[in-house]
């Protein structure tokens, strides 16, 4: 062995308990519920994660898009950033507002 090698004790560390996973699920559920209650006119409220946590709010009326954008900017102490609009996936009749969630 070289001088920089670390000798293993042969013990295997156990996996961490699943409690943080449940807490994360609960936090995400609370976040989704908060958005649903804030935007009852929404046809759908979904969360996604692809390296960044995002919320997607789909509405039927295009007039609601600007109202949602304005409300998101002031919700949760500025946690919603990079607010964008576009078509909803798989529906020509819905408008989508998406935002990154900073927490």
PDB file of N, CA and C in Angstrom:
ATOM      1  N   UNK A   1       0.837  -1.178   0.000  1.00  0.00           N
ATOM      2  CA  UNK A   1       0.000   0.000   0.000  1.00  0.00           C
ATOM      3  C   UNK A   1       0.878   1.236   0.000  1.00  0.00           C
ATOM      4  N   UNK A   2       0.367   2.277  -0.645  1.00  0.00           N
ATOM      5  CA  UNK A   2       1.111   3.523  -0.654  1.00  0.00           C
ATOM      6  C   UNK A   2       0.781   4.316   0.599  1.00  0.00           C
ATOM      7  N   UNK A   3       1.496   5.377   0.813  1.00  0.00           N
ATOM      8  CA  UNK A   3       1.288   6.187   2.005  1.00  0.00           C
ATOM      9  C   UNK A   3      -0.051   6.909   2.009  1.00  0.00           C
ATOM     10  N   UNK A   4      -0.668   7.120   0.838  1.00  0.00           N
ATOM     11  CA  UNK A   4      -1.933   7.853   0.754  1.00  0.00           C
ATOM     12  C   UNK A   4      -3.152   6.947   0.810  1.00  0.00           C
ATOM     13  N   UNK A   5      -2.992   5.664   0.783  1.00  0.00           N
ATOM     14  CA  UNK A   5      -4.128   4.741   0.766  1.00  0.00           C
ATOM     15  C   UNK A   5      -4.784   4.689   2.141  1.00  0.00           C
ATOM     16  N   UNK A   6      -6.084   4.548   2.140  1.00  0.00           N
ATOM     17  CA  UNK A   6      -6.841   4.447   3.379  1.00  0.00           C
ATOM     18  C   UNK A   6      -7.263   3.000   3.536  1.00  0.00           C
ATOM     19  N   UNK A   7      -6.997   2.454   4.692  1.00  0.00           N
ATOM     20  CA  UNK A   7      -7.345   1.067   4.939  1.00  0.00           C
ATOM     21  C   UNK A   7      -8.795   0.984   5.407  1.00  0.00           C
ATOM     22  N   UNK A   8      -9.563   0.090   4.801  1.00  0.00           N
ATOM     23  CA  UNK A   8     -10.968  -0.085   5.141  1.00  0.00           C
ATOM     24  C   UNK A   8     -11.088  -0.988   6.351  1.00  0.00           C
ATOM     25  N   UNK A   9     -12.067  -0.695   7.191  1.00  0.00           N
ATOM     26  CA  UNK A   9     -12.276  -1.516   8.378  1.00  0.00           C
ATOM     27  C   UNK A   9     -13.129  -2.732   8.058  1.00  0.00           C
ATOM     28  N   UNK A  10     -13.683  -2.797   6.835  1.00  0.00           N
ATOM     29  CA  UNK A  10     -14.505  -3.930   6.455  1.00  0.00           C
ATOM     30  C   UNK A  10     -15.949  -3.804   6.892  1.00  0.00           C
ATOM     31  N   UNK A  11     -16.323  -2.713   7.510  1.00  0.00           N
ATOM     32  CA  UNK A  11     -17.702  -2.513   7.943  1.00  0.00           C
ATOM     33  C   UNK A  11     -18.484  -1.765   6.870  1.00  0.00           C
ATOM     34  N   UNK A  12     -19.729  -2.126   6.746  1.00  0.00           N
ATOM     35  CA  UNK A  12     -20.609  -1.469   5.789  1.00  0.00           C
ATOM     36  C   UNK A  12     -21.563  -0.575   6.564  1.00  0.00           C
ATOM     37  N   UNK A  13     -21.639   0.676   6.131  1.00  0.00           N
ATOM     38  CA  UNK A  13     -22.548   1.610   6.799  1.00  0.00           C
ATOM     39  C   UNK A  13     -23.975   1.354   6.335  1.00  0.00           C
ATOM     40  N   UNK A  14     -24.944   1.415   7.247  1.00  0.00           N
ATOM     41  CA  UNK A  14     -26.344   1.197   6.858  1.00  0.00           C
ATOM     42  C   UNK A  14     -26.881   2.383   6.055  1.00  0.00           C
ATOM     43  N   UNK A  15     -27.894   2.107   5.217  1.00  0.00           N
ATOM     44  CA  UNK A  15     -28.562   3.183   4.492  1.00  0.00           C
ATOM     45  C   UNK A  15     -29.270   4.090   5.496  1.00  0.00           C
ATOM     46  N   UNK A  16     -29.377   5.377   5.181  1.00  0.00           N
ATOM     47  CA  UNK A  16     -30.123   6.258   6.088  1.00  0.00           C
ATOM     48  C   UNK A  16     -31.592   5.861   6.134  1.00  0.00           C
ATOM     49  N   UNK A  17     -32.227   6.184   7.234  1.00  0.00           N
ATOM     50  CA  UNK A  17     -33.645   5.864   7.397  1.00  0.00           C
ATOM     51  C   UNK A  17     -34.480   6.682   6.418  1.00  0.00           C
ATOM     52  N   UNK A  18     -35.706   6.253   6.158  1.00  0.00           N
ATOM     53  CA  UNK A  18     -36.566   6.885   5.169  1.00  0.00           C
ATOM     54  C   UNK A  18     -37.335   8.092   5.688  1.00  0.00           C
ATOM     55  N   UNK A  19     -37.128   8.527   6.886  1.00  0.00           N
ATOM     56  CA  UNK A  19     -37.874   9.662   7.432  1.00  0.00           C
ATOM     57  C   UNK A  19     -37.728  10.931   6.587  1.00  0.00           C
ATOM     58  N   UNK A  20     -36.519  11.302   6.103  1.00  0.00           N
ATOM     59  CA  UNK A  20     -36.420  12.511   5.286  1.00  0.00           C
ATOM     60  C   UNK A  20     -37.233  12.416   3.993  1.00  0.00           C
ATOM     61  N   UNK A  21     -37.349  11.232   3.415  1.00  0.00           N
ATOM     62  CA  UNK A  21     -38.133  11.068   2.199  1.00  0.00           C
ATOM     63  C   UNK A  21     -39.591  11.402   2.466  1.00  0.00           C
ATOM     64  N   UNK A  22     -40.123  10.925   3.557  1.00  0.00           N
ATOM     65  CA  UNK A  22     -41.517  11.209   3.890  1.00  0.00           C
ATOM     66  C   UNK A  22     -41.709  12.699   4.137  1.00  0.00           C
ATOM     67  N   UNK A  23     -40.784  13.318   4.827  1.00  0.00           N
ATOM     68  CA  UNK A  23     -40.888  14.748   5.085  1.00  0.00           C
ATOM     69  C   UNK A  23     -40.852  15.522   3.770  1.00  0.00           C
ATOM     70  N   UNK A  24     -40.030  15.092   2.828  1.00  0.00           N
ATOM     71  CA  UNK A  24     -39.956  15.757   1.535  1.00  0.00           C
ATOM     72  C   UNK A  24     -41.286  15.610   0.791  1.00  0.00           C
ATOM     73  N   UNK A  25     -41.857  14.413   0.819  1.00  0.00           N
ATOM     74  CA  UNK A  25     -43.154  14.190   0.173  1.00  0.00           C
ATOM     75  C   UNK A  25     -44.229  15.073   0.791  1.00  0.00           C
ATOM     76  N   UNK A  26     -44.211  15.180   2.096  1.00  0.00           N
ATOM     77  CA  UNK A  26     -45.191  16.029   2.780  1.00  0.00           C
ATOM     78  C   UNK A  26     -45.001  17.494   2.406  1.00  0.00           C
ATOM     79  N   UNK A  27     -43.748  17.951   2.347  1.00  0.00           N
ATOM     80  CA  UNK A  27     -43.476  19.339   1.975  1.00  0.00           C
ATOM     81  C   UNK A  27     -43.938  19.632   0.552  1.00  0.00           C
ATOM     82  N   UNK A  28     -43.683  18.703  -0.369  1.00  0.00           N
ATOM     83  CA  UNK A  28     -44.119  18.897  -1.750  1.00  0.00           C
ATOM     84  C   UNK A  28     -45.642  18.895  -1.846  1.00  0.00           C
ATOM     85  N   UNK A  29     -46.285  18.025  -1.083  1.00  0.00           N
ATOM     86  CA  UNK A  29     -47.746  17.993  -1.059  1.00  0.00           C
ATOM     87  C   UNK A  29     -48.326  19.289  -0.522  1.00  0.00           C
ATOM     88  N   UNK A  30     -47.708  19.831   0.523  1.00  0.00           N
ATOM     89  CA  UNK A  30     -48.170  21.103   1.085  1.00  0.00           C
ATOM     90  C   UNK A  30     -47.988  22.242   0.086  1.00  0.00           C
ATOM     91  N   UNK A  31     -46.882  22.211  -0.636  1.00  0.00           N
ATOM     92  CA  UNK A  31     -46.624  23.228  -1.652  1.00  0.00           C
ATOM     93  C   UNK A  31     -47.678  23.162  -2.761  1.00  0.00           C
ATOM     94  N   UNK A  32     -47.959  21.966  -3.245  1.00  0.00           N
ATOM     95  CA  UNK A  32     -48.978  21.788  -4.285  1.00  0.00           C
ATOM     96  C   UNK A  32     -50.355  22.214  -3.770  1.00  0.00           C
ATOM     97  N   UNK A  33     -50.685  21.845  -2.539  1.00  0.00           N
ATOM     98  CA  UNK A  33     -51.976  22.230  -1.957  1.00  0.00           C
ATOM     99  C   UNK A  33     -52.096  23.745  -1.806  1.00  0.00           C
ATOM    100  N   UNK A  34     -51.003  24.402  -1.424  1.00  0.00           N
ATOM    101  CA  UNK A  34     -51.002  25.855  -1.294  1.00  0.00           C
ATOM    102  C   UNK A  34     -51.271  26.506  -2.650  1.00  0.00           C
ATOM    103  N   UNK A  35     -50.636  25.989  -3.707  1.00  0.00           N
ATOM    104  CA  UNK A  35     -50.858  26.541  -5.042  1.00  0.00           C
ATOM    105  C   UNK A  35     -52.287  26.277  -5.519  1.00  0.00           C
ATOM    106  N   UNK A  36     -52.807  25.107  -5.222  1.00  0.00           N
ATOM    107  CA  UNK A  36     -54.200  24.801  -5.601  1.00  0.00           C
ATOM    108  C   UNK A  36     -55.181  25.731  -4.898  1.00  0.00           C
ATOM    109  N   UNK A  37     -54.947  26.016  -3.625  1.00  0.00           N
ATOM    110  CA  UNK A  37     -55.867  26.907  -2.904  1.00  0.00           C
ATOM    111  C   UNK A  37     -55.699  28.356  -3.360  1.00  0.00           C
ATOM    112  N   UNK A  38     -54.502  28.744  -3.743  1.00  0.00           N
ATOM    113  CA  UNK A  38     -54.257  30.103  -4.223  1.00  0.00           C
ATOM    114  C   UNK A  38     -54.841  30.321  -5.623  1.00  0.00           C
ATOM    115  N   UNK A  39     -54.877  29.256  -6.418  1.00  0.00           N
ATOM    116  CA  UNK A  39     -55.372  29.335  -7.792  1.00  0.00           C
ATOM    117  C   UNK A  39     -56.488  28.317  -8.020  1.00  0.00           C
ATOM    118  N   UNK A  40     -57.655  28.526  -7.418  1.00  0.00           N
ATOM    119  CA  UNK A  40     -58.742  27.549  -7.555  1.00  0.00           C
ATOM    120  C   UNK A  40     -59.277  27.441  -8.981  1.00  0.00           C
ATOM    121  N   UNK A  41     -59.029  28.466  -9.801  1.00  0.00           N
ATOM    122  CA  UNK A  41     -59.492  28.430 -11.185  1.00  0.00           C
ATOM    123  C   UNK A  41     -58.617  27.539 -12.074  1.00  0.00           C
ATOM    124  N   UNK A  42     -57.501  27.063 -11.559  1.00  0.00           N
ATOM    125  CA  UNK A  42     -56.580  26.239 -12.352  1.00  0.00           C
ATOM    126  C   UNK A  42     -57.194  24.885 -12.684  1.00  0.00           C
ATOM    127  N   UNK A  43     -56.990  24.469 -13.926  1.00  0.00           N
ATOM    128  CA  UNK A  43     -57.434  23.140 -14.343  1.00  0.00           C
ATOM    129  C   UNK A  43     -56.507  22.073 -13.773  1.00  0.00           C
ATOM    130  N   UNK A  44     -55.225  22.423 -13.587  1.00  0.00           N
ATOM    131  CA  UNK A  44     -54.255  21.478 -13.021  1.00  0.00           C
ATOM    132  C   UNK A  44     -53.103  22.250 -12.394  1.00  0.00           C
ATOM    133  N   UNK A  45     -52.572  21.711 -11.300  1.00  0.00           N
ATOM    134  CA  UNK A  45     -51.361  22.216 -10.658  1.00  0.00           C
ATOM    135  C   UNK A  45     -50.448  21.018 -10.473  1.00  0.00           C
ATOM    136  N   UNK A  46     -49.268  21.065 -11.094  1.00  0.00           N
ATOM    137  CA  UNK A  46     -48.334  19.945 -11.005  1.00  0.00           C
ATOM    138  C   UNK A  46     -46.950  20.452 -10.632  1.00  0.00           C
ATOM    139  N   UNK A  47     -46.148  19.558 -10.076  1.00  0.00           N
ATOM    140  CA  UNK A  47     -44.758  19.841  -9.753  1.00  0.00           C
ATOM    141  C   UNK A  47     -43.886  18.903 -10.576  1.00  0.00           C
ATOM    142  N   UNK A  48     -42.704  19.386 -10.953  1.00  0.00           N
ATOM    143  CA  UNK A  48     -41.758  18.532 -11.666  1.00  0.00           C
ATOM    144  C   UNK A  48     -40.351  18.829 -11.165  1.00  0.00           C
ATOM    145  N   UNK A  49     -39.456  17.869 -11.384  1.00  0.00           N
ATOM    146  CA  UNK A  49     -38.059  18.052 -10.990  1.00  0.00           C
ATOM    147  C   UNK A  49     -37.170  17.448 -12.065  1.00  0.00           C
ATOM    148  N   UNK A  50     -36.323  18.284 -12.652  1.00  0.00           N
ATOM    149  CA  UNK A  50     -35.333  17.827 -13.620  1.00  0.00           C
ATOM    150  C   UNK A  50     -33.991  18.479 -13.308  1.00  0.00           C
ATOM    151  N   UNK A  51     -33.657  18.501 -12.041  1.00  0.00           N
ATOM    152  CA  UNK A  51     -32.494  19.224 -11.556  1.00  0.00           C
ATOM    153  C   UNK A  51     -32.907  20.530 -10.895  1.00  0.00           C
ATOM    154  N   UNK A  52     -34.079  21.007 -11.234  1.00  0.00           N
ATOM    155  CA  UNK A  52     -34.678  22.205 -10.661  1.00  0.00           C
ATOM    156  C   UNK A  52     -36.134  21.899 -10.353  1.00  0.00           C
ATOM    157  N   UNK A  53     -36.588  22.285  -9.176  1.00  0.00           N
ATOM    158  CA  UNK A  53     -37.987  22.085  -8.808  1.00  0.00           C
ATOM    159  C   UNK A  53     -38.832  23.151  -9.493  1.00  0.00           C
ATOM    160  N   UNK A  54     -39.893  22.709 -10.176  1.00  0.00           N
ATOM    161  CA  UNK A  54     -40.764  23.625 -10.911  1.00  0.00           C
ATOM    162  C   UNK A  54     -42.221  23.339 -10.594  1.00  0.00           C
ATOM    163  N   UNK A  55     -43.034  24.383 -10.696  1.00  0.00           N
ATOM    164  CA  UNK A  55     -44.488  24.252 -10.581  1.00  0.00           C
ATOM    165  C   UNK A  55     -45.092  24.648 -11.918  1.00  0.00           C
ATOM    166  N   UNK A  56     -46.167  23.952 -12.292  1.00  0.00           N
ATOM    167  CA  UNK A  56     -46.877  24.229 -13.540  1.00  0.00           C
ATOM    168  C   UNK A  56     -48.352  24.411 -13.204  1.00  0.00           C
ATOM    169  N   UNK A  57     -48.910  25.527 -13.634  1.00  0.00           N
ATOM    170  CA  UNK A  57     -50.312  25.841 -13.376  1.00  0.00           C
ATOM    171  C   UNK A  57     -50.995  26.007 -14.726  1.00  0.00           C
ATOM    172  N   UNK A  58     -51.965  25.143 -15.001  1.00  0.00           N
ATOM    173  CA  UNK A  58     -52.692  25.168 -16.268  1.00  0.00           C
ATOM    174  C   UNK A  58     -54.068  25.786 -16.054  1.00  0.00           C
ATOM    175  N   UNK A  59     -54.421  26.744 -16.924  1.00  0.00           N
ATOM    176  CA  UNK A  59     -55.725  27.405 -16.847  1.00  0.00           C
ATOM    177  C   UNK A  59     -56.399  27.392 -18.215  1.00  0.00           C
ATOM    178  N   UNK A  60     -57.701  27.543 -18.219  1.00  0.00           N
ATOM    179  CA  UNK A  60     -58.472  27.523 -19.462  1.00  0.00           C
ATOM    180  C   UNK A  60     -58.527  28.898 -20.141  1.00  0.00           C
ATOM    181  N   UNK A  61     -58.579  29.965 -19.353  1.00  0.00           N
ATOM    182  CA  UNK A  61     -58.736  31.311 -19.910  1.00  0.00           C
ATOM    183  C   UNK A  61     -57.381  32.017 -19.984  1.00  0.00           C
ATOM    184  N   UNK A  62     -57.070  32.569 -21.144  1.00  0.00           N
ATOM    185  CA  UNK A  62     -55.787  33.263 -21.308  1.00  0.00           C
ATOM    186  C   UNK A  62     -55.700  34.501 -20.417  1.00  0.00           C
ATOM    187  N   UNK A  63     -56.856  35.086 -20.062  1.00  0.00           N
ATOM    188  CA  UNK A  63     -56.856  36.270 -19.191  1.00  0.00           C
ATOM    189  C   UNK A  63     -56.303  35.955 -17.801  1.00  0.00           C
ATOM    190  N   UNK A  64     -56.396  34.714 -17.383  1.00  0.00           N
ATOM    191  CA  UNK A  64     -55.932  34.326 -16.048  1.00  0.00           C
ATOM    192  C   UNK A  64     -54.408  34.228 -15.958  1.00  0.00           C
ATOM    193  N   UNK A  65     -53.748  34.116 -17.105  1.00  0.00           N
ATOM    194  CA  UNK A  65     -52.297  33.921 -17.112  1.00  0.00           C
ATOM    195  C   UNK A  65     -51.580  35.090 -16.445  1.00  0.00           C
ATOM    196  N   UNK A  66     -51.905  36.325 -16.815  1.00  0.00           N
ATOM    197  CA  UNK A  66     -51.223  37.482 -16.226  1.00  0.00           C
ATOM    198  C   UNK A  66     -51.506  37.616 -14.736  1.00  0.00           C
ATOM    199  N   UNK A  67     -52.714  37.287 -14.326  1.00  0.00           N
ATOM    200  CA  UNK A  67     -53.039  37.335 -12.895  1.00  0.00           C
ATOM    201  C   UNK A  67     -52.212  36.317 -12.115  1.00  0.00           C
ATOM    202  N   UNK A  68     -52.063  35.125 -12.656  1.00  0.00           N
ATOM    203  CA  UNK A  68     -51.269  34.086 -11.990  1.00  0.00           C
ATOM    204  C   UNK A  68     -49.808  34.503 -11.928  1.00  0.00           C
ATOM    205  N   UNK A  69     -49.283  35.052 -13.025  1.00  0.00           N
ATOM    206  CA  UNK A  69     -47.890  35.512 -13.031  1.00  0.00           C
ATOM    207  C   UNK A  69     -47.659  36.560 -11.945  1.00  0.00           C
ATOM    208  N   UNK A  70     -48.568  37.507 -11.820  1.00  0.00           N
ATOM    209  CA  UNK A  70     -48.422  38.567 -10.815  1.00  0.00           C
ATOM    210  C   UNK A  70     -48.508  38.004  -9.401  1.00  0.00           C
ATOM    211  N   UNK A  71     -49.438  37.092  -9.165  1.00  0.00           N
ATOM    212  CA  UNK A  71     -49.584  36.519  -7.816  1.00  0.00           C
ATOM    213  C   UNK A  71     -48.394  35.645  -7.451  1.00  0.00           C
ATOM    214  N   UNK A  72     -47.885  34.866  -8.413  1.00  0.00           N
ATOM    215  CA  UNK A  72     -46.734  34.003  -8.121  1.00  0.00           C
ATOM    216  C   UNK A  72     -45.528  34.822  -7.674  1.00  0.00           C
ATOM    217  N   UNK A  73     -45.324  35.967  -8.302  1.00  0.00           N
ATOM    218  CA  UNK A  73     -44.166  36.800  -7.977  1.00  0.00           C
ATOM    219  C   UNK A  73     -44.175  37.270  -6.526  1.00  0.00           C
ATOM    220  N   UNK A  74     -45.359  37.362  -5.918  1.00  0.00           N
ATOM    221  CA  UNK A  74     -45.434  37.858  -4.544  1.00  0.00           C
ATOM    222  C   UNK A  74     -45.714  36.771  -3.507  1.00  0.00           C
ATOM    223  N   UNK A  75     -45.897  35.540  -3.938  1.00  0.00           N
ATOM    224  CA  UNK A  75     -46.201  34.442  -3.008  1.00  0.00           C
ATOM    225  C   UNK A  75     -44.951  33.908  -2.319  1.00  0.00           C
ATOM    226  N   UNK A  76     -45.127  33.415  -1.121  1.00  0.00           N
ATOM    227  CA  UNK A  76     -44.092  32.677  -0.377  1.00  0.00           C
ATOM    228  C   UNK A  76     -42.766  33.423  -0.298  1.00  0.00           C
ATOM    229  N   UNK A  77     -42.835  34.713  -0.108  1.00  0.00           N
ATOM    230  CA  UNK A  77     -41.613  35.493   0.080  1.00  0.00           C
ATOM    231  C   UNK A  77     -40.679  35.494  -1.113  1.00  0.00           C
ATOM    232  N   UNK A  78     -41.209  35.395  -2.313  1.00  0.00           N
ATOM    233  CA  UNK A  78     -40.385  35.418  -3.517  1.00  0.00           C
ATOM    234  C   UNK A  78     -39.769  34.082  -3.885  1.00  0.00           C
ATOM    235  N   UNK A  79     -40.335  32.994  -3.405  1.00  0.00           N
ATOM    236  CA  UNK A  79     -39.787  31.659  -3.685  1.00  0.00           C
ATOM    237  C   UNK A  79     -39.985  31.237  -5.137  1.00  0.00           C
ATOM    238  N   UNK A  80     -40.921  31.884  -5.848  1.00  0.00           N
ATOM    239  CA  UNK A  80     -41.207  31.513  -7.231  1.00  0.00           C
ATOM    240  C   UNK A  80     -40.479  32.472  -8.171  1.00  0.00           C
ATOM    241  N   UNK A  81     -39.562  31.939  -8.970  1.00  0.00           N
ATOM    242  CA  UNK A  81     -38.744  32.752  -9.865  1.00  0.00           C
ATOM    243  C   UNK A  81     -38.832  32.203 -11.282  1.00  0.00           C
ATOM    244  N   UNK A  82     -38.290  32.970 -12.223  1.00  0.00           N
ATOM    245  CA  UNK A  82     -38.239  32.552 -13.626  1.00  0.00           C
ATOM    246  C   UNK A  82     -39.629  32.113 -14.106  1.00  0.00           C
ATOM    247  N   UNK A  83     -40.603  32.981 -13.926  1.00  0.00           N
ATOM    248  CA  UNK A  83     -41.994  32.683 -14.275  1.00  0.00           C
ATOM    249  C   UNK A  83     -42.156  32.804 -15.792  1.00  0.00           C
ATOM    250  N   UNK A  84     -42.698  31.750 -16.397  1.00  0.00           N
ATOM    251  CA  UNK A  84     -42.869  31.713 -17.851  1.00  0.00           C
ATOM    252  C   UNK A  84     -44.268  31.252 -18.211  1.00  0.00           C
ATOM    253  N   UNK A  85     -44.685  31.588 -19.416  1.00  0.00           N
ATOM    254  CA  UNK A  85     -45.983  31.133 -19.917  1.00  0.00           C
ATOM    255  C   UNK A  85     -45.789  30.392 -21.228  1.00  0.00           C
ATOM    256  N   UNK A  86     -46.759  29.535 -21.533  1.00  0.00           N
ATOM    257  CA  UNK A  86     -46.713  28.775 -22.777  1.00  0.00           C
ATOM    258  C   UNK A  86     -47.901  27.834 -22.845  1.00  0.00           C
ATOM    259  N   UNK A  87     -47.943  27.016 -23.887  1.00  0.00           N
ATOM    260  CA  UNK A  87     -49.054  26.063 -24.004  1.00  0.00           C
ATOM    261  C   UNK A  87     -48.882  24.908 -23.019  1.00  0.00           C
ATOM    262  N   UNK A  88     -49.978  24.376 -22.554  1.00  0.00           N
ATOM    263  CA  UNK A  88     -49.934  23.206 -21.671  1.00  0.00           C
ATOM    264  C   UNK A  88     -49.636  21.969 -22.510  1.00  0.00           C
ATOM    265  N   UNK A  89     -48.923  21.042 -21.931  1.00  0.00           N
ATOM    266  CA  UNK A  89     -48.624  19.789 -22.628  1.00  0.00           C
ATOM    267  C   UNK A  89     -49.906  19.027 -22.915  1.00  0.00           C
ATOM    268  N   UNK A  90     -50.023  18.505 -24.104  1.00  0.00           N
ATOM    269  CA  UNK A  90     -51.107  17.601 -24.496  1.00  0.00           C
ATOM    270  C   UNK A  90     -52.494  18.236 -24.459  1.00  0.00           C
ATOM    271  N   UNK A  91     -52.585  19.567 -24.523  1.00  0.00           N
ATOM    272  CA  UNK A  91     -53.906  20.190 -24.548  1.00  0.00           C
ATOM    273  C   UNK A  91     -53.836  21.533 -25.267  1.00  0.00           C
ATOM    274  N   UNK A  92     -54.579  21.648 -26.342  1.00  0.00           N
ATOM    275  CA  UNK A  92     -54.625  22.903 -27.088  1.00  0.00           C
ATOM    276  C   UNK A  92     -55.530  23.934 -26.414  1.00  0.00           C
ATOM    277  N   UNK A  93     -56.294  23.506 -25.418  1.00  0.00           N
ATOM    278  CA  UNK A  93     -57.274  24.385 -24.781  1.00  0.00           C
ATOM    279  C   UNK A  93     -56.796  24.972 -23.458  1.00  0.00           C
ATOM    280  N   UNK A  94     -55.595  24.607 -23.017  1.00  0.00           N
ATOM    281  CA  UNK A  94     -55.087  25.105 -21.737  1.00  0.00           C
ATOM    282  C   UNK A  94     -53.860  25.974 -21.955  1.00  0.00           C
ATOM    283  N   UNK A  95     -53.672  26.929 -21.047  1.00  0.00           N
ATOM    284  CA  UNK A  95     -52.503  27.803 -21.031  1.00  0.00           C
ATOM    285  C   UNK A  95     -51.717  27.467 -19.772  1.00  0.00           C
ATOM    286  N   UNK A  96     -50.387  27.413 -19.887  1.00  0.00           N
ATOM    287  CA  UNK A  96     -49.556  26.996 -18.753  1.00  0.00           C
ATOM    288  C   UNK A  96     -48.673  28.141 -18.279  1.00  0.00           C
ATOM    289  N   UNK A  97     -48.625  28.297 -16.962  1.00  0.00           N
ATOM    290  CA  UNK A  97     -47.660  29.181 -16.312  1.00  0.00           C
ATOM    291  C   UNK A  97     -46.727  28.270 -15.530  1.00  0.00           C
ATOM    292  N   UNK A  98     -45.421  28.382 -15.812  1.00  0.00           N
ATOM    293  CA  UNK A  98     -44.422  27.564 -15.124  1.00  0.00           C
ATOM    294  C   UNK A  98     -43.476  28.470 -14.361  1.00  0.00           C
ATOM    295  N   UNK A  99     -42.970  27.972 -13.254  1.00  0.00           N
ATOM    296  CA  UNK A  99     -42.055  28.750 -12.427  1.00  0.00           C
ATOM    297  C   UNK A  99     -41.077  27.834 -11.712  1.00  0.00           C
ATOM    298  N   UNK A 100     -39.874  28.332 -11.496  1.00  0.00           N
ATOM    299  CA  UNK A 100     -38.913  27.610 -10.667  1.00  0.00           C
ATOM    300  C   UNK A 100     -39.211  27.930  -9.213  1.00  0.00           C
ATOM    301  N   UNK A 101     -38.936  26.963  -8.351  1.00  0.00           N
ATOM    302  CA  UNK A 101     -39.184  27.142  -6.924  1.00  0.00           C
ATOM    303  C   UNK A 101     -37.844  27.156  -6.209  1.00  0.00           C
ATOM    304  N   UNK A 102     -37.549  28.247  -5.526  1.00  0.00           N
ATOM    305  CA  UNK A 102     -36.303  28.414  -4.784  1.00  0.00           C
ATOM    306  C   UNK A 102     -36.580  28.230  -3.308  1.00  0.00           C
ATOM    307  N   UNK A 103     -36.030  27.197  -2.691  1.00  0.00           N
ATOM    308  CA  UNK A 103     -36.224  26.986  -1.251  1.00  0.00           C
ATOM    309  C   UNK A 103     -34.965  26.462  -0.668  1.00  0.00           C
TER     310      UNK A 103
END
